[in-house]
C-alpha atoms as a PDB file:
ATOM      1  CA  MET A   1     -36.960  83.101  93.541  1.00  0.00           C
ATOM      2  CA  VAL A   2     -38.853  86.213  94.680  1.00  0.00           C
ATOM      3  CA  ARG A   3     -37.263  89.145  92.887  1.00  0.00           C
ATOM      4  CA  LEU A   4     -36.921  92.346  95.072  1.00  0.00           C
ATOM      5  CA  PRO A   5     -39.556  94.977  94.610  1.00  0.00           C
ATOM      6  CA  ARG A   6     -38.886  98.007  92.209  1.00  0.00           C
ATOM      7  CA  ASP A   7     -41.057 100.296  93.570  1.00  0.00           C
ATOM      8  CA  LEU A   8     -40.558  99.986  97.484  1.00  0.00           C
ATOM      9  CA  SER A   9     -40.100 103.336  99.234  1.00  0.00           C
ATOM     10  CA  GLY A  10     -38.073 103.301 102.630  1.00  0.00           C
ATOM     11  CA  ARG A  11     -40.981 103.719 104.519  1.00  0.00           C
ATOM     12  CA  ASP A  12     -42.563 100.656 102.770  1.00  0.00           C
ATOM     13  CA  LEU A  13     -39.499  98.477 103.630  1.00  0.00           C
ATOM     14  CA  ALA A  14     -39.339  99.905 107.286  1.00  0.00           C
ATOM     15  CA  HIS A  15     -43.466  98.638 107.614  1.00  0.00           C
ATOM     16  CA  ALA A  16     -42.371  95.354 106.005  1.00  0.00           C
ATOM     17  CA  LEU A  17     -39.388  94.425 108.422  1.00  0.00           C
ATOM     18  CA  ARG A  18     -42.134  94.813 111.588  1.00  0.00           C
ATOM     19  CA  ARG A  19     -42.211  90.899 110.525  1.00  0.00           C
ATOM     20  CA  PHE A  20     -38.738  90.576 112.295  1.00  0.00           C
ATOM     21  CA  ASP A  21     -39.546  92.457 115.061  1.00  0.00           C
ATOM     22  CA  TYR A  22     -37.947  95.625 113.622  1.00  0.00           C
ATOM     23  CA  ALA A  23     -39.296  98.926 115.194  1.00  0.00           C
ATOM     24  CA  VAL A  24     -38.945 102.569 114.484  1.00  0.00           C
ATOM     25  CA  THR A  25     -36.776 104.004 116.786  1.00  0.00           C
ATOM     26  CA  ARG A  26     -35.575 107.199 115.573  1.00  0.00           C
ATOM     27  CA  GLU A  27     -36.507 109.326 112.645  1.00  0.00           C
ATOM     28  CA  THR A  28     -34.105 111.752 111.581  1.00  0.00           C
ATOM     29  CA  GLY A  29     -33.951 114.062 108.611  1.00  0.00           C
ATOM     30  CA  SER A  30     -34.655 111.512 105.505  1.00  0.00           C
ATOM     31  CA  HIS A  31     -33.666 108.257 107.277  1.00  0.00           C
ATOM     32  CA  ILE A  32     -35.440 106.042 109.124  1.00  0.00           C
ATOM     33  CA  ARG A  33     -33.491 104.016 111.729  1.00  0.00           C
ATOM     34  CA  LEU A  34     -35.027 100.315 112.850  1.00  0.00           C
ATOM     35  CA  THR A  35     -33.760  98.331 115.854  1.00  0.00           C
ATOM     36  CA  THR A  36     -34.604  94.789 116.894  1.00  0.00           C
ATOM     37  CA  GLN A  37     -34.006  92.774 119.844  1.00  0.00           C
ATOM     38  CA  GLN A  38     -34.549  89.622 118.155  1.00  0.00           C
ATOM     39  CA  GLY A  39     -31.053  87.460 118.376  1.00  0.00           C
ATOM     40  CA  GLY A  40     -29.520  90.600 119.979  1.00  0.00           C
ATOM     41  CA  GLU A  41     -29.778  94.267 119.081  1.00  0.00           C
ATOM     42  CA  GLN A  42     -29.459  95.332 115.777  1.00  0.00           C
ATOM     43  CA  HIS A  43     -29.796  98.513 113.975  1.00  0.00           C
ATOM     44  CA  VAL A  44     -30.426  99.082 110.485  1.00  0.00           C
ATOM     45  CA  THR A  45     -30.904 102.623 108.584  1.00  0.00           C
ATOM     46  CA  ILE A  46     -33.209 102.908 106.085  1.00  0.00           C
ATOM     47  CA  PRO A  47     -33.381 106.194 103.421  1.00  0.00           C
ATOM     48  CA  ASP A  48     -36.949 107.738 103.187  1.00  0.00           C
ATOM     49  CA  LEU A  49     -36.177 109.475  99.881  1.00  0.00           C
ATOM     50  CA  GLY A  50     -38.844 107.978  97.744  1.00  0.00           C
ATOM     51  CA  ILE A  51     -38.244 104.806  95.932  1.00  0.00           C
ATOM     52  CA  LEU A  52     -35.142 102.548  97.107  1.00  0.00           C
ATOM     53  CA  ARG A  53     -32.763 101.432  94.778  1.00  0.00           C
ATOM     54  CA  VAL A  54     -32.433  97.607  94.666  1.00  0.00           C
ATOM     55  CA  GLY A  55     -28.897  97.552  95.376  1.00  0.00           C
ATOM     56  CA  THR A  56     -29.361  99.535  98.627  1.00  0.00           C
ATOM     57  CA  MET A  57     -32.635  97.588  99.555  1.00  0.00           C
ATOM     58  CA  ALA A  58     -30.424  94.178  98.810  1.00  0.00           C
ATOM     59  CA  SER A  59     -27.880  95.809 101.249  1.00  0.00           C
ATOM     60  CA  ILE A  60     -30.130  96.416 104.034  1.00  0.00           C
ATOM     61  CA  LEU A  61     -31.745  92.669 103.351  1.00  0.00           C
ATOM     62  CA  ALA A  62     -28.550  91.082 103.639  1.00  0.00           C
ATOM     63  CA  ASP A  63     -27.754  93.141 106.659  1.00  0.00           C
ATOM     64  CA  VAL A  64     -30.921  91.488 108.286  1.00  0.00           C
ATOM     65  CA  ALA A  65     -30.244  88.086 107.007  1.00  0.00           C
ATOM     66  CA  GLY A  66     -26.959  87.882 108.531  1.00  0.00           C
ATOM     67  CA  HIS A  67     -28.308  89.205 111.563  1.00  0.00           C
ATOM     68  CA  LEU A  68     -31.161  86.759 111.843  1.00  0.00           C
ATOM     69  CA  LYS A  69     -28.646  83.940 110.624  1.00  0.00           C
ATOM     70  CA  MET A  70     -31.123  83.307 107.586  1.00  0.00           C
ATOM     71  CA  ASP A  71     -30.356  82.965 103.809  1.00  0.00           C
ATOM     72  CA  LYS A  72     -31.144  86.459 102.218  1.00  0.00           C
ATOM     73  CA  ARG A  73     -33.550  84.582  99.934  1.00  0.00           C
ATOM     74  CA  SER A  74     -35.692  83.539 102.668  1.00  0.00           C
ATOM     75  CA  VAL A  75     -35.825  86.754 104.262  1.00  0.00           C
ATOM     76  CA  ILE A  76     -37.253  88.116 100.838  1.00  0.00           C
ATOM     77  CA  ALA A  77     -39.556  85.369 100.291  1.00  0.00           C
ATOM     78  CA  ALA A  78     -41.116  85.835 104.063  1.00  0.00           C
ATOM     79  CA  LEU A  79     -41.201  89.966 103.274  1.00  0.00           C
ATOM     80  CA  PHE A  80     -42.696  89.929  99.678  1.00  0.00           C
ATOM     81  CA  GLU A  81     -43.869  86.699  98.792  1.00  0.00           C
ATOM     82  CA  PRO A  82     -47.962  86.744  98.021  1.00  0.00           C
END
């Protein structure tokens, strides 16, 4: 299984989520809001405060996986596997 990166910023995660058709819809203060229409509309808010904590990243990816009806491991592999 691919491990979650330990040095990923919120902006980097937002960029990676474009693979699943998420697009930046708003940036307010220190947060980035992404929206996708794939499988119905869903919004995800990502903090843009530097390096993301692993738990925060895991929670965001669990939300994405749940919305896309995918296994969390599959989402992580699709985003971070070389």
